[in-house]
Amino acid sequence: MSTEQTVKKQLDSSMWRMSVAPMMDWTDKHCRHFHRLLSQHTLLYTEMVTTGALVHGDVARHLRFEAEEHPVALQLGGSEPADLAHSARLGEQWGYDEINLNCGCPSERVQRGAFGACLMNEAALVADCVKAMADVVSVPVTVKHRIGIDKIESYDFVRDFVGTVADAGCQVFVVHARNAWLKGLSPKENREIPPLRYEVVAQLKRDFPGLTIAVNGGIKTDDEVQQQLKQVDGVMVGREAYHNPWWISSWDALYYQDESRERTREDIEEQMVLYMEREASEHGTHWYSIARHMLGLRNGLAGARRWRQVWSDHRLKTLPPHEVMKLARTKPNEIQQEPAEQML
């Protein structure tokens, strides 16, 4: 490999150094806007969008996002190469930086659609899907998958899956370091009960050094992130990033050597209020559906519980968001002195 190719590989891999996982009902455009305020460089993912939603549904509703969200990836759910190619083309036209195929979700609804984790049993089909998408887009086509399904714990299974899909042109694999049990466990249990086996992901990187390999699953601290980055190219964080979002604000300095932005939680809250007002004006979006994503912003601080209660109080939905922010920042003993209509 030439020096130029080596540099290009390193630059490409850095896009996946830190990312926030695609999470159904959570990582919508409002959540991504919030997370982008916390980090300029972290890669963000959409919720999984099915090919059926894009072939037959409201494309704009599913694909609309803000320019400031970049870098942002579209995760697709599907198993028909032609439908995935059509959806990938739409994703590139709308400006997404990456198209990711979901081969890791174990939910029964997804299984009924014959995609998600059950696709790991059909590596040749996944390869066809990847090739169909890669043939029509110029952005990276990537795959998110598990290390195995059900009780199959043979390393050969995941190694052969990655090898087959890589031969079709996929160069980036995001690997959830647990098996997916297709029967007997809920999606929540599938994130907790099958044991984490990070060593399997590390072995994939050793066996496929030319691929970009990112690890996902159970990572909650910087110590854990740094340990993983000694073995693989990137770390994807899911629920910990959502519930404790202020952690994301440290990633630019820690993992991208960018200390250019100094921000406070109050700065972020104020910017979110401006975003809420803009969304209401331009799209009729109520602030209440946006505020839910930032409820963990003050976790660990004095007064966090009351701040969270104010922003999630349905009785305040008639107030504009800047008034809600004012209430959230008001000390309890000061609220009693406010006019009755301003009280909780």
C-alpha atoms as a PDB file:
ATOM      1  CA  MET A   1       0.000   0.000   0.000  1.00  0.00           C
ATOM      2  CA  SER A   2       1.421   3.402  -0.967  1.00  0.00           C
ATOM      3  CA  THR A   3       1.885   6.215   1.553  1.00  0.00           C
ATOM      4  CA  GLU A   4      -0.925   8.129  -0.134  1.00  0.00           C
ATOM      5  CA  GLN A   5      -3.270   5.149   0.202  1.00  0.00           C
ATOM      6  CA  THR A   6      -2.286   4.689   3.844  1.00  0.00           C
ATOM      7  CA  VAL A   7      -3.080   8.331   4.640  1.00  0.00           C
ATOM      8  CA  LYS A   8      -6.405   8.060   2.819  1.00  0.00           C
ATOM      9  CA  LYS A   9      -7.302   4.938   4.799  1.00  0.00           C
ATOM     10  CA  GLN A  10      -6.493   6.696   8.075  1.00  0.00           C
ATOM     11  CA  LEU A  11      -8.508   9.754   7.115  1.00  0.00           C
ATOM     12  CA  ASP A  12     -11.437   7.618   6.071  1.00  0.00           C
ATOM     13  CA  SER A  13     -11.337   5.578   9.281  1.00  0.00           C
ATOM     14  CA  SER A  14     -11.419   8.690  11.451  1.00  0.00           C
ATOM     15  CA  MET A  15     -15.004   9.358  10.350  1.00  0.00           C
ATOM     16  CA  TRP A  16     -16.057   6.370  12.478  1.00  0.00           C
ATOM     17  CA  ARG A  17     -13.824   7.078  15.486  1.00  0.00           C
ATOM     18  CA  MET A  18     -16.796   8.124  17.619  1.00  0.00           C
ATOM     19  CA  SER A  19     -20.459   7.771  16.745  1.00  0.00           C
ATOM     20  CA  VAL A  20     -23.880   7.724  18.380  1.00  0.00           C
ATOM     21  CA  ALA A  21     -25.836   4.581  17.571  1.00  0.00           C
ATOM     22  CA  PRO A  22     -29.059   4.541  15.557  1.00  0.00           C
ATOM     23  CA  MET A  23     -31.865   4.066  18.094  1.00  0.00           C
ATOM     24  CA  MET A  24     -35.514   3.661  17.197  1.00  0.00           C
ATOM     25  CA  ASP A  25     -37.780   6.410  18.573  1.00  0.00           C
ATOM     26  CA  TRP A  26     -34.733   8.290  19.865  1.00  0.00           C
ATOM     27  CA  THR A  27     -32.233   9.438  17.237  1.00  0.00           C
ATOM     28  CA  ASP A  28     -34.610  11.532  15.167  1.00  0.00           C
ATOM     29  CA  LYS A  29     -33.532  14.840  13.605  1.00  0.00           C
ATOM     30  CA  HIS A  30     -34.222  16.762  16.819  1.00  0.00           C
ATOM     31  CA  CYS A  31     -32.028  14.438  18.853  1.00  0.00           C
ATOM     32  CA  ARG A  32     -29.306  14.712  16.234  1.00  0.00           C
ATOM     33  CA  HIS A  33     -29.489  18.514  16.299  1.00  0.00           C
ATOM     34  CA  PHE A  34     -29.005  18.390  20.061  1.00  0.00           C
ATOM     35  CA  HIS A  35     -26.072  15.989  19.817  1.00  0.00           C
ATOM     36  CA  ARG A  36     -24.436  18.103  17.118  1.00  0.00           C
ATOM     37  CA  LEU A  37     -24.481  21.090  19.456  1.00  0.00           C
ATOM     38  CA  LEU A  38     -22.421  18.952  21.828  1.00  0.00           C
ATOM     39  CA  SER A  39     -19.884  17.688  19.275  1.00  0.00           C
ATOM     40  CA  GLN A  40     -18.872  18.908  15.834  1.00  0.00           C
ATOM     41  CA  HIS A  41     -17.125  15.714  14.782  1.00  0.00           C
ATOM     42  CA  THR A  42     -19.043  12.751  16.203  1.00  0.00           C
ATOM     43  CA  LEU A  43     -20.801  10.731  13.498  1.00  0.00           C
ATOM     44  CA  LEU A  44     -24.582  10.691  13.987  1.00  0.00           C
ATOM     45  CA  TYR A  45     -27.061   8.100  12.706  1.00  0.00           C
ATOM     46  CA  THR A  46     -30.740   8.256  11.883  1.00  0.00           C
ATOM     47  CA  GLU A  47     -33.236   5.871  13.328  1.00  0.00           C
ATOM     48  CA  MET A  48     -33.589   2.849  11.074  1.00  0.00           C
ATOM     49  CA  VAL A  49     -35.736   3.744   8.048  1.00  0.00           C
ATOM     50  CA  THR A  50     -37.276   0.817   6.198  1.00  0.00           C
ATOM     51  CA  THR A  51     -37.107   0.630   2.436  1.00  0.00           C
ATOM     52  CA  GLY A  52     -40.899   0.316   2.382  1.00  0.00           C
ATOM     53  CA  ALA A  53     -41.220   3.704   4.065  1.00  0.00           C
ATOM     54  CA  LEU A  54     -39.123   5.285   1.316  1.00  0.00           C
ATOM     55  CA  VAL A  55     -40.553   3.350  -1.639  1.00  0.00           C
ATOM     56  CA  HIS A  56     -44.182   3.863  -0.615  1.00  0.00           C
ATOM     57  CA  GLY A  57     -44.197   6.571   2.060  1.00  0.00           C
ATOM     58  CA  ASP A  58     -43.450  10.240   2.668  1.00  0.00           C
ATOM     59  CA  VAL A  59     -39.791  10.546   1.722  1.00  0.00           C
ATOM     60  CA  ALA A  60     -39.380  14.077   3.070  1.00  0.00           C
ATOM     61  CA  ARG A  61     -40.780  13.131   6.465  1.00  0.00           C
ATOM     62  CA  HIS A  62     -38.261  10.306   6.814  1.00  0.00           C
ATOM     63  CA  LEU A  63     -35.189  11.960   5.297  1.00  0.00           C
ATOM     64  CA  ARG A  64     -35.413  15.655   6.201  1.00  0.00           C
ATOM     65  CA  PHE A  65     -32.451  16.860   8.238  1.00  0.00           C
ATOM     66  CA  GLU A  66     -30.520  20.047   8.912  1.00  0.00           C
ATOM     67  CA  ALA A  67     -27.251  20.870   7.161  1.00  0.00           C
ATOM     68  CA  GLU A  68     -25.556  21.387  10.523  1.00  0.00           C
ATOM     69  CA  GLU A  69     -26.100  17.707  11.374  1.00  0.00           C
ATOM     70  CA  HIS A  70     -23.174  16.577   9.171  1.00  0.00           C
ATOM     71  CA  PRO A  71     -21.544  14.125   9.387  1.00  0.00           C
ATOM     72  CA  VAL A  72     -24.754  12.090   9.456  1.00  0.00           C
ATOM     73  CA  ALA A  73     -25.541   8.579   8.234  1.00  0.00           C
ATOM     74  CA  LEU A  74     -28.824   7.074   7.058  1.00  0.00           C
ATOM     75  CA  GLN A  75     -29.519   3.594   8.404  1.00  0.00           C
ATOM     76  CA  LEU A  76     -31.736   1.457   6.190  1.00  0.00           C
ATOM     77  CA  GLY A  77     -33.719  -1.658   7.004  1.00  0.00           C
ATOM     78  CA  GLY A  78     -34.497  -4.018   4.154  1.00  0.00           C
ATOM     79  CA  SER A  79     -33.409  -7.100   2.257  1.00  0.00           C
ATOM     80  CA  GLU A  80     -34.418  -6.472  -1.363  1.00  0.00           C
ATOM     81  CA  PRO A  81     -31.392  -5.241  -3.325  1.00  0.00           C
ATOM     82  CA  ALA A  82     -33.469  -3.156  -5.749  1.00  0.00           C
ATOM     83  CA  ASP A  83     -35.408  -1.430  -2.945  1.00  0.00           C
ATOM     84  CA  LEU A  84     -32.218  -0.798  -1.007  1.00  0.00           C
ATOM     85  CA  ALA A  85     -30.541   0.660  -4.088  1.00  0.00           C
ATOM     86  CA  HIS A  86     -33.521   2.986  -4.610  1.00  0.00           C
ATOM     87  CA  SER A  87     -33.457   4.031  -0.937  1.00  0.00           C
ATOM     88  CA  ALA A  88     -29.688   4.501  -0.904  1.00  0.00           C
ATOM     89  CA  ARG A  89     -29.915   6.732  -3.961  1.00  0.00           C
ATOM     90  CA  LEU A  90     -32.538   8.833  -2.194  1.00  0.00           C
ATOM     91  CA  GLY A  91     -30.315   9.044   0.867  1.00  0.00           C
ATOM     92  CA  GLU A  92     -27.405  10.349  -1.167  1.00  0.00           C
ATOM     93  CA  GLN A  93     -29.646  12.817  -3.001  1.00  0.00           C
ATOM     94  CA  TRP A  94     -30.829  14.174   0.353  1.00  0.00           C
ATOM     95  CA  GLY A  95     -27.223  14.654   1.406  1.00  0.00           C
ATOM     96  CA  TYR A  96     -26.403  11.840   3.827  1.00  0.00           C
ATOM     97  CA  ASP A  97     -22.699  11.084   4.291  1.00  0.00           C
ATOM     98  CA  GLU A  98     -23.105   7.319   4.635  1.00  0.00           C
ATOM     99  CA  ILE A  99     -25.672   4.600   3.951  1.00  0.00           C
ATOM    100  CA  ASN A 100     -25.756   1.896   6.619  1.00  0.00           C
ATOM    101  CA  LEU A 101     -27.539  -1.452   6.354  1.00  0.00           C
ATOM    102  CA  ASN A 102     -29.087  -2.830   9.546  1.00  0.00           C
ATOM    103  CA  CYS A 103     -28.061  -6.449  10.076  1.00  0.00           C
ATOM    104  CA  GLY A 104     -28.275  -6.344  13.844  1.00  0.00           C
ATOM    105  CA  CYS A 105     -31.810  -5.557  15.019  1.00  0.00           C
ATOM    106  CA  PRO A 106     -33.416  -8.674  16.599  1.00  0.00           C
ATOM    107  CA  SER A 107     -37.007  -7.421  17.027  1.00  0.00           C
ATOM    108  CA  GLU A 108     -39.821  -9.676  15.852  1.00  0.00           C
ATOM    109  CA  ARG A 109     -41.259  -6.897  13.701  1.00  0.00           C
ATOM    110  CA  VAL A 110     -37.974  -6.596  11.856  1.00  0.00           C
ATOM    111  CA  GLN A 111     -37.677 -10.354  11.540  1.00  0.00           C
ATOM    112  CA  ARG A 112     -41.140 -10.498   9.962  1.00  0.00           C
ATOM    113  CA  GLY A 113     -39.779  -8.121   7.347  1.00  0.00           C
ATOM    114  CA  ALA A 114     -36.903 -10.588   6.764  1.00  0.00           C
ATOM    115  CA  PHE A 115     -34.178  -8.098   7.609  1.00  0.00           C
ATOM    116  CA  GLY A 116     -32.142  -6.996  10.610  1.00  0.00           C
ATOM    117  CA  ALA A 117     -30.149  -9.607  12.528  1.00  0.00           C
ATOM    118  CA  CYS A 118     -31.650 -12.556  10.662  1.00  0.00           C
ATOM    119  CA  LEU A 119     -29.740 -11.361   7.574  1.00  0.00           C
ATOM    120  CA  MET A 120     -26.557 -12.643   9.189  1.00  0.00           C
ATOM    121  CA  ASN A 121     -27.774 -16.092   8.137  1.00  0.00           C
ATOM    122  CA  GLU A 122     -27.701 -14.904   4.518  1.00  0.00           C
ATOM    123  CA  ALA A 123     -24.287 -13.384   3.910  1.00  0.00           C
ATOM    124  CA  ALA A 124     -24.590 -13.777   0.129  1.00  0.00           C
ATOM    125  CA  LEU A 125     -27.855 -11.809   0.140  1.00  0.00           C
ATOM    126  CA  VAL A 126     -26.281  -9.066   2.256  1.00  0.00           C
ATOM    127  CA  ALA A 127     -23.415  -8.955  -0.219  1.00  0.00           C
ATOM    128  CA  ASP A 128     -25.920  -8.527  -3.066  1.00  0.00           C
ATOM    129  CA  CYS A 129     -27.648  -5.740  -1.132  1.00  0.00           C
ATOM    130  CA  VAL A 130     -24.364  -3.949  -0.458  1.00  0.00           C
ATOM    131  CA  LYS A 131     -23.286  -4.212  -4.086  1.00  0.00           C
ATOM    132  CA  ALA A 132     -26.650  -2.928  -5.320  1.00  0.00           C
ATOM    133  CA  MET A 133     -26.340   0.142  -3.096  1.00  0.00           C
ATOM    134  CA  ALA A 134     -22.646   0.743  -3.749  1.00  0.00           C
ATOM    135  CA  ASP A 135     -23.287   0.649  -7.498  1.00  0.00           C
ATOM    136  CA  VAL A 136     -25.624   3.651  -7.347  1.00  0.00           C
ATOM    137  CA  VAL A 137     -24.060   5.904  -4.687  1.00  0.00           C
ATOM    138  CA  SER A 138     -20.658   7.449  -4.159  1.00  0.00           C
ATOM    139  CA  VAL A 139     -20.873   7.712  -0.354  1.00  0.00           C
ATOM    140  CA  PRO A 140     -19.727   4.782   1.833  1.00  0.00           C
ATOM    141  CA  VAL A 141     -22.094   1.830   2.152  1.00  0.00           C
ATOM    142  CA  THR A 142     -21.594   0.236   5.569  1.00  0.00           C
ATOM    143  CA  VAL A 143     -23.073  -2.603   7.625  1.00  0.00           C
ATOM    144  CA  LYS A 144     -24.015  -2.766  11.312  1.00  0.00           C
ATOM    145  CA  HIS A 145     -24.282  -6.314  12.629  1.00  0.00           C
ATOM    146  CA  ARG A 146     -23.882  -8.619  15.622  1.00  0.00           C
ATOM    147  CA  ILE A 147     -21.092 -11.104  16.312  1.00  0.00           C
ATOM    148  CA  GLY A 148     -23.503 -14.006  15.920  1.00  0.00           C
ATOM    149  CA  ILE A 149     -27.127 -15.074  16.131  1.00  0.00           C
ATOM    150  CA  ASP A 150     -28.885 -17.310  18.651  1.00  0.00           C
ATOM    151  CA  LYS A 151     -26.395 -19.649  20.330  1.00  0.00           C
ATOM    152  CA  ILE A 152     -23.926 -19.627  17.424  1.00  0.00           C
ATOM    153  CA  GLU A 153     -20.720 -18.488  19.107  1.00  0.00           C
ATOM    154  CA  SER A 154     -18.259 -19.732  16.511  1.00  0.00           C
ATOM    155  CA  TYR A 155     -15.886 -16.989  15.409  1.00  0.00           C
ATOM    156  CA  ASP A 156     -15.878 -18.519  11.932  1.00  0.00           C
ATOM    157  CA  PHE A 157     -19.531 -17.497  11.511  1.00  0.00           C
ATOM    158  CA  VAL A 158     -18.951 -13.750  11.885  1.00  0.00           C
ATOM    159  CA  ARG A 159     -15.559 -13.888  10.158  1.00  0.00           C
ATOM    160  CA  ASP A 160     -17.109 -15.490   7.075  1.00  0.00           C
ATOM    161  CA  PHE A 161     -20.007 -13.021   7.132  1.00  0.00           C
ATOM    162  CA  VAL A 162     -17.626 -10.055   7.155  1.00  0.00           C
ATOM    163  CA  GLY A 163     -15.410 -11.604   4.502  1.00  0.00           C
ATOM    164  CA  THR A 164     -18.308 -12.279   2.137  1.00  0.00           C
ATOM    165  CA  VAL A 165     -19.796  -8.801   2.543  1.00  0.00           C
ATOM    166  CA  ALA A 166     -16.397  -7.126   2.246  1.00  0.00           C
ATOM    167  CA  ASP A 167     -15.825  -8.884  -1.077  1.00  0.00           C
ATOM    168  CA  ALA A 168     -18.962  -7.109  -2.355  1.00  0.00           C
ATOM    169  CA  GLY A 169     -17.432  -3.704  -1.621  1.00  0.00           C
ATOM    170  CA  CYS A 170     -18.249  -2.930   2.021  1.00  0.00           C
ATOM    171  CA  GLN A 171     -15.234  -1.428   3.766  1.00  0.00           C
ATOM    172  CA  VAL A 172     -16.803  -0.380   7.082  1.00  0.00           C
ATOM    173  CA  PHE A 173     -18.393  -2.685   9.668  1.00  0.00           C
ATOM    174  CA  VAL A 174     -19.952  -1.529  12.938  1.00  0.00           C
ATOM    175  CA  VAL A 175     -20.055  -4.582  15.178  1.00  0.00           C
ATOM    176  CA  HIS A 176     -22.333  -4.934  18.200  1.00  0.00           C
ATOM    177  CA  ALA A 177     -20.248  -7.241  20.386  1.00  0.00           C
ATOM    178  CA  ARG A 178     -23.141  -9.498  21.418  1.00  0.00           C
ATOM    179  CA  ASN A 179     -25.061 -12.261  19.743  1.00  0.00           C
ATOM    180  CA  ALA A 180     -28.653 -11.544  18.727  1.00  0.00           C
ATOM    181  CA  TRP A 181     -31.097 -14.144  19.989  1.00  0.00           C
ATOM    182  CA  LEU A 182     -33.905 -14.249  17.462  1.00  0.00           C
ATOM    183  CA  LYS A 183     -36.301 -16.118  19.750  1.00  0.00           C
ATOM    184  CA  GLY A 184     -37.074 -15.797  23.426  1.00  0.00           C
ATOM    185  CA  LEU A 185     -35.643 -12.346  24.167  1.00  0.00           C
ATOM    186  CA  SER A 186     -37.067  -8.857  23.775  1.00  0.00           C
ATOM    187  CA  PRO A 187     -34.969  -6.182  22.034  1.00  0.00           C
ATOM    188  CA  LYS A 188     -34.139  -4.784  25.491  1.00  0.00           C
ATOM    189  CA  GLU A 189     -33.052  -8.209  26.740  1.00  0.00           C
ATOM    190  CA  ASN A 190     -30.999  -8.632  23.573  1.00  0.00           C
ATOM    191  CA  ARG A 191     -28.991  -5.587  24.644  1.00  0.00           C
ATOM    192  CA  GLU A 192     -28.329  -7.038  28.089  1.00  0.00           C
ATOM    193  CA  ILE A 193     -28.441 -10.838  28.304  1.00  0.00           C
ATOM    194  CA  PRO A 194     -26.164 -12.183  25.540  1.00  0.00           C
ATOM    195  CA  PRO A 195     -22.642 -11.653  26.876  1.00  0.00           C
ATOM    196  CA  LEU A 196     -20.384  -8.961  25.477  1.00  0.00           C
ATOM    197  CA  ARG A 197     -17.373 -10.431  23.673  1.00  0.00           C
ATOM    198  CA  TYR A 198     -15.181  -7.533  22.632  1.00  0.00           C
ATOM    199  CA  GLU A 199     -12.355  -9.923  21.826  1.00  0.00           C
ATOM    200  CA  VAL A 200     -14.330 -11.135  18.788  1.00  0.00           C
ATOM    201  CA  VAL A 201     -14.447  -7.617  17.349  1.00  0.00           C
ATOM    202  CA  ALA A 202     -10.744  -7.133  18.018  1.00  0.00           C
ATOM    203  CA  GLN A 203     -10.029 -10.394  16.205  1.00  0.00           C
ATOM    204  CA  LEU A 204     -12.005  -9.178  13.192  1.00  0.00           C
ATOM    205  CA  LYS A 205      -9.747  -6.132  13.014  1.00  0.00           C
ATOM    206  CA  ARG A 206      -6.666  -8.321  13.176  1.00  0.00           C
ATOM    207  CA  ASP A 207      -7.982 -10.626  10.455  1.00  0.00           C
ATOM    208  CA  PHE A 208      -9.192  -7.765   8.232  1.00  0.00           C
ATOM    209  CA  PRO A 209      -6.648  -4.973   8.827  1.00  0.00           C
ATOM    210  CA  GLY A 210      -7.677  -3.166   5.641  1.00  0.00           C
ATOM    211  CA  LEU A 211     -11.285  -2.760   6.802  1.00  0.00           C
ATOM    212  CA  THR A 212     -12.623  -0.096   9.148  1.00  0.00           C
ATOM    213  CA  ILE A 213     -14.025  -1.870  12.214  1.00  0.00           C
ATOM    214  CA  ALA A 214     -16.002  -0.030  14.907  1.00  0.00           C
ATOM    215  CA  VAL A 215     -17.297  -1.650  18.084  1.00  0.00           C
ATOM    216  CA  ASN A 216     -20.689  -1.129  19.736  1.00  0.00           C
ATOM    217  CA  GLY A 217     -22.293  -2.423  22.901  1.00  0.00           C
ATOM    218  CA  GLY A 218     -22.094  -1.652  26.616  1.00  0.00           C
ATOM    219  CA  ILE A 219     -19.442   1.072  26.452  1.00  0.00           C
ATOM    220  CA  LYS A 220     -20.061   3.740  29.108  1.00  0.00           C
ATOM    221  CA  THR A 221     -16.784   5.456  30.043  1.00  0.00           C
ATOM    222  CA  ASP A 222     -13.801   7.149  28.429  1.00  0.00           C
ATOM    223  CA  ASP A 223     -11.524   4.481  29.878  1.00  0.00           C
ATOM    224  CA  GLU A 224     -13.521   1.849  28.013  1.00  0.00           C
ATOM    225  CA  VAL A 225     -13.501   3.907  24.808  1.00  0.00           C
ATOM    226  CA  GLN A 226      -9.741   4.381  24.948  1.00  0.00           C
ATOM    227  CA  GLN A 227      -9.180   0.693  25.584  1.00  0.00           C
ATOM    228  CA  GLN A 228     -11.284  -0.198  22.544  1.00  0.00           C
ATOM    229  CA  LEU A 229      -9.514   2.336  20.321  1.00  0.00           C
ATOM    230  CA  LYS A 230      -6.278   0.455  20.926  1.00  0.00           C
ATOM    231  CA  GLN A 231      -7.825  -2.524  19.128  1.00  0.00           C
ATOM    232  CA  VAL A 232     -10.336  -1.180  16.592  1.00  0.00           C
ATOM    233  CA  ASP A 233     -10.900   1.941  14.503  1.00  0.00           C
ATOM    234  CA  GLY A 234     -13.969   3.349  16.195  1.00  0.00           C
ATOM    235  CA  VAL A 235     -16.484   3.189  19.022  1.00  0.00           C
ATOM    236  CA  MET A 236     -20.245   3.568  18.711  1.00  0.00           C
ATOM    237  CA  VAL A 237     -22.095   4.528  21.896  1.00  0.00           C
ATOM    238  CA  GLY A 238     -25.847   4.114  22.264  1.00  0.00           C
ATOM    239  CA  ARG A 239     -27.978   4.569  25.352  1.00  0.00           C
ATOM    240  CA  GLU A 240     -25.247   5.986  27.548  1.00  0.00           C
ATOM    241  CA  ALA A 241     -24.806   8.861  25.092  1.00  0.00           C
ATOM    242  CA  TYR A 242     -28.559   9.454  25.041  1.00  0.00           C
ATOM    243  CA  HIS A 243     -29.113   9.363  28.805  1.00  0.00           C
ATOM    244  CA  ASN A 244     -25.920  11.252  29.704  1.00  0.00           C
ATOM    245  CA  PRO A 245     -25.455  13.516  26.690  1.00  0.00           C
ATOM    246  CA  TRP A 246     -23.000  15.914  28.321  1.00  0.00           C
ATOM    247  CA  TRP A 247     -20.417  13.149  27.912  1.00  0.00           C
ATOM    248  CA  ILE A 248     -20.564  13.771  24.149  1.00  0.00           C
ATOM    249  CA  SER A 249     -19.328  17.342  24.697  1.00  0.00           C
ATOM    250  CA  SER A 250     -15.885  16.028  25.691  1.00  0.00           C
ATOM    251  CA  TRP A 251     -15.359  13.865  22.614  1.00  0.00           C
ATOM    252  CA  ASP A 252     -14.089  16.551  20.215  1.00  0.00           C
ATOM    253  CA  ALA A 253     -11.147  17.334  22.480  1.00  0.00           C
ATOM    254  CA  LEU A 254     -10.476  13.755  23.550  1.00  0.00           C
ATOM    255  CA  TYR A 255     -10.804  11.936  20.235  1.00  0.00           C
ATOM    256  CA  TYR A 256     -10.423  14.601  17.530  1.00  0.00           C
ATOM    257  CA  GLN A 257      -7.860  16.923  19.162  1.00  0.00           C
ATOM    258  CA  ASP A 258     -10.268  19.821  18.671  1.00  0.00           C
ATOM    259  CA  GLU A 259     -10.561  22.110  21.685  1.00  0.00           C
ATOM    260  CA  SER A 260     -11.917  25.065  19.717  1.00  0.00           C
ATOM    261  CA  ARG A 261     -15.374  25.085  21.289  1.00  0.00           C
ATOM    262  CA  GLU A 262     -16.075  26.053  24.862  1.00  0.00           C
ATOM    263  CA  ARG A 263     -19.681  25.610  25.832  1.00  0.00           C
ATOM    264  CA  THR A 264     -21.820  25.268  28.929  1.00  0.00           C
ATOM    265  CA  ARG A 265     -25.006  23.367  29.537  1.00  0.00           C
ATOM    266  CA  GLU A 266     -26.790  26.720  29.632  1.00  0.00           C
ATOM    267  CA  ASP A 267     -25.420  27.570  26.172  1.00  0.00           C
ATOM    268  CA  ILE A 268     -26.751  24.281  24.813  1.00  0.00           C
ATOM    269  CA  GLU A 269     -30.159  24.785  26.410  1.00  0.00           C
ATOM    270  CA  GLU A 270     -30.438  28.273  24.917  1.00  0.00           C
ATOM    271  CA  GLN A 271     -29.486  27.027  21.470  1.00  0.00           C
ATOM    272  CA  MET A 272     -32.072  24.286  21.754  1.00  0.00           C
ATOM    273  CA  VAL A 273     -34.740  26.872  22.596  1.00  0.00           C
ATOM    274  CA  LEU A 274     -33.826  28.811  19.447  1.00  0.00           C
ATOM    275  CA  TYR A 275     -34.084  25.564  17.487  1.00  0.00           C
ATOM    276  CA  MET A 276     -37.497  24.807  19.044  1.00  0.00           C
ATOM    277  CA  GLU A 277     -38.765  28.233  17.986  1.00  0.00           C
ATOM    278  CA  ARG A 278     -37.449  27.769  14.458  1.00  0.00           C
ATOM    279  CA  GLU A 279     -38.973  24.310  14.135  1.00  0.00           C
ATOM    280  CA  ALA A 280     -42.330  25.609  15.345  1.00  0.00           C
ATOM    281  CA  SER A 281     -42.244  28.488  12.876  1.00  0.00           C
ATOM    282  CA  GLU A 282     -41.070  26.509   9.852  1.00  0.00           C
ATOM    283  CA  HIS A 283     -42.603  23.070  10.397  1.00  0.00           C
ATOM    284  CA  GLY A 284     -45.219  23.384  13.139  1.00  0.00           C
ATOM    285  CA  THR A 285     -43.220  21.137  15.470  1.00  0.00           C
ATOM    286  CA  HIS A 286     -44.145  21.540  19.137  1.00  0.00           C
ATOM    287  CA  TRP A 287     -41.239  22.134  21.496  1.00  0.00           C
ATOM    288  CA  TYR A 288     -42.416  19.312  23.778  1.00  0.00           C
ATOM    289  CA  SER A 289     -41.480  16.627  21.240  1.00  0.00           C
ATOM    290  CA  ILE A 290     -37.985  18.124  20.953  1.00  0.00           C
ATOM    291  CA  ALA A 291     -37.317  18.734  24.665  1.00  0.00           C
ATOM    292  CA  ARG A 292     -37.543  15.023  25.513  1.00  0.00           C
ATOM    293  CA  HIS A 293     -34.144  14.432  23.923  1.00  0.00           C
ATOM    294  CA  MET A 294     -32.276  16.845  26.187  1.00  0.00           C
ATOM    295  CA  LEU A 295     -33.688  15.734  29.543  1.00  0.00           C
ATOM    296  CA  GLY A 296     -30.368  14.166  30.555  1.00  0.00           C
ATOM    297  CA  LEU A 297     -28.380  17.351  29.930  1.00  0.00           C
ATOM    298  CA  ARG A 298     -28.011  18.256  33.621  1.00  0.00           C
ATOM    299  CA  ASN A 299     -27.635  14.732  35.007  1.00  0.00           C
ATOM    300  CA  GLY A 300     -25.412  14.719  38.055  1.00  0.00           C
ATOM    301  CA  LEU A 301     -25.905  18.396  38.881  1.00  0.00           C
ATOM    302  CA  ALA A 302     -27.805  19.893  41.794  1.00  0.00           C
ATOM    303  CA  GLY A 303     -31.364  20.714  40.727  1.00  0.00           C
ATOM    304  CA  ALA A 304     -31.259  18.355  37.732  1.00  0.00           C
ATOM    305  CA  ARG A 305     -34.402  16.493  38.780  1.00  0.00           C
ATOM    306  CA  ARG A 306     -36.506  19.613  39.020  1.00  0.00           C
ATOM    307  CA  TRP A 307     -35.082  21.011  35.748  1.00  0.00           C
ATOM    308  CA  ARG A 308     -36.028  17.747  34.040  1.00  0.00           C
ATOM    309  CA  GLN A 309     -39.505  17.819  35.570  1.00  0.00           C
ATOM    310  CA  VAL A 310     -40.173  21.325  34.246  1.00  0.00           C
ATOM    311  CA  TRP A 311     -39.118  20.485  30.683  1.00  0.00           C
ATOM    312  CA  SER A 312     -41.234  17.320  30.709  1.00  0.00           C
ATOM    313  CA  ASP A 313     -44.337  18.840  32.373  1.00  0.00           C
ATOM    314  CA  HIS A 314     -47.230  18.508  29.919  1.00  0.00           C
ATOM    315  CA  ARG A 315     -49.082  21.286  31.771  1.00  0.00           C
ATOM    316  CA  LEU A 316     -46.560  23.779  30.401  1.00  0.00           C
ATOM    317  CA  LYS A 317     -47.110  22.858  26.749  1.00  0.00           C
ATOM    318  CA  THR A 318     -49.063  26.068  26.137  1.00  0.00           C
ATOM    319  CA  LEU A 319     -46.057  28.211  27.096  1.00  0.00           C
ATOM    320  CA  PRO A 320     -43.373  29.195  24.569  1.00  0.00           C
ATOM    321  CA  PRO A 321     -40.081  27.370  25.125  1.00  0.00           C
ATOM    322  CA  HIS A 322     -38.158  30.425  26.327  1.00  0.00           C
ATOM    323  CA  GLU A 323     -40.704  30.761  29.163  1.00  0.00           C
ATOM    324  CA  VAL A 324     -40.290  27.090  30.038  1.00  0.00           C
ATOM    325  CA  MET A 325     -36.525  27.574  30.140  1.00  0.00           C
ATOM    326  CA  LYS A 326     -37.000  30.521  32.500  1.00  0.00           C
ATOM    327  CA  LEU A 327     -39.145  28.382  34.795  1.00  0.00           C
ATOM    328  CA  ALA A 328     -36.658  25.516  34.670  1.00  0.00           C
ATOM    329  CA  ARG A 329     -33.902  27.871  35.789  1.00  0.00           C
ATOM    330  CA  THR A 330     -35.930  29.489  38.563  1.00  0.00           C
ATOM    331  CA  LYS A 331     -35.278  28.282  42.088  1.00  0.00           C
ATOM    332  CA  PRO A 332     -38.321  26.682  43.785  1.00  0.00           C
ATOM    333  CA  ASN A 333     -38.579  29.401  46.458  1.00  0.00           C
ATOM    334  CA  GLU A 334     -38.658  32.059  43.740  1.00  0.00           C
ATOM    335  CA  ILE A 335     -41.512  30.427  41.819  1.00  0.00           C
ATOM    336  CA  GLN A 336     -43.933  31.207  44.605  1.00  0.00           C
ATOM    337  CA  GLN A 337     -43.427  34.900  43.948  1.00  0.00           C
ATOM    338  CA  GLU A 338     -44.363  34.595  40.248  1.00  0.00           C
ATOM    339  CA  PRO A 339     -47.883  35.369  38.996  1.00  0.00           C
ATOM    340  CA  ALA A 340     -50.198  32.375  39.324  1.00  0.00           C
ATOM    341  CA  GLU A 341     -50.342  31.744  35.574  1.00  0.00           C
ATOM    342  CA  GLN A 342     -46.552  31.285  35.558  1.00  0.00           C
ATOM    343  CA  MET A 343     -46.520  28.743  38.354  1.00  0.00           C
ATOM    344  CA  LEU A 344     -46.224  25.000  37.802  1.00  0.00           C
END
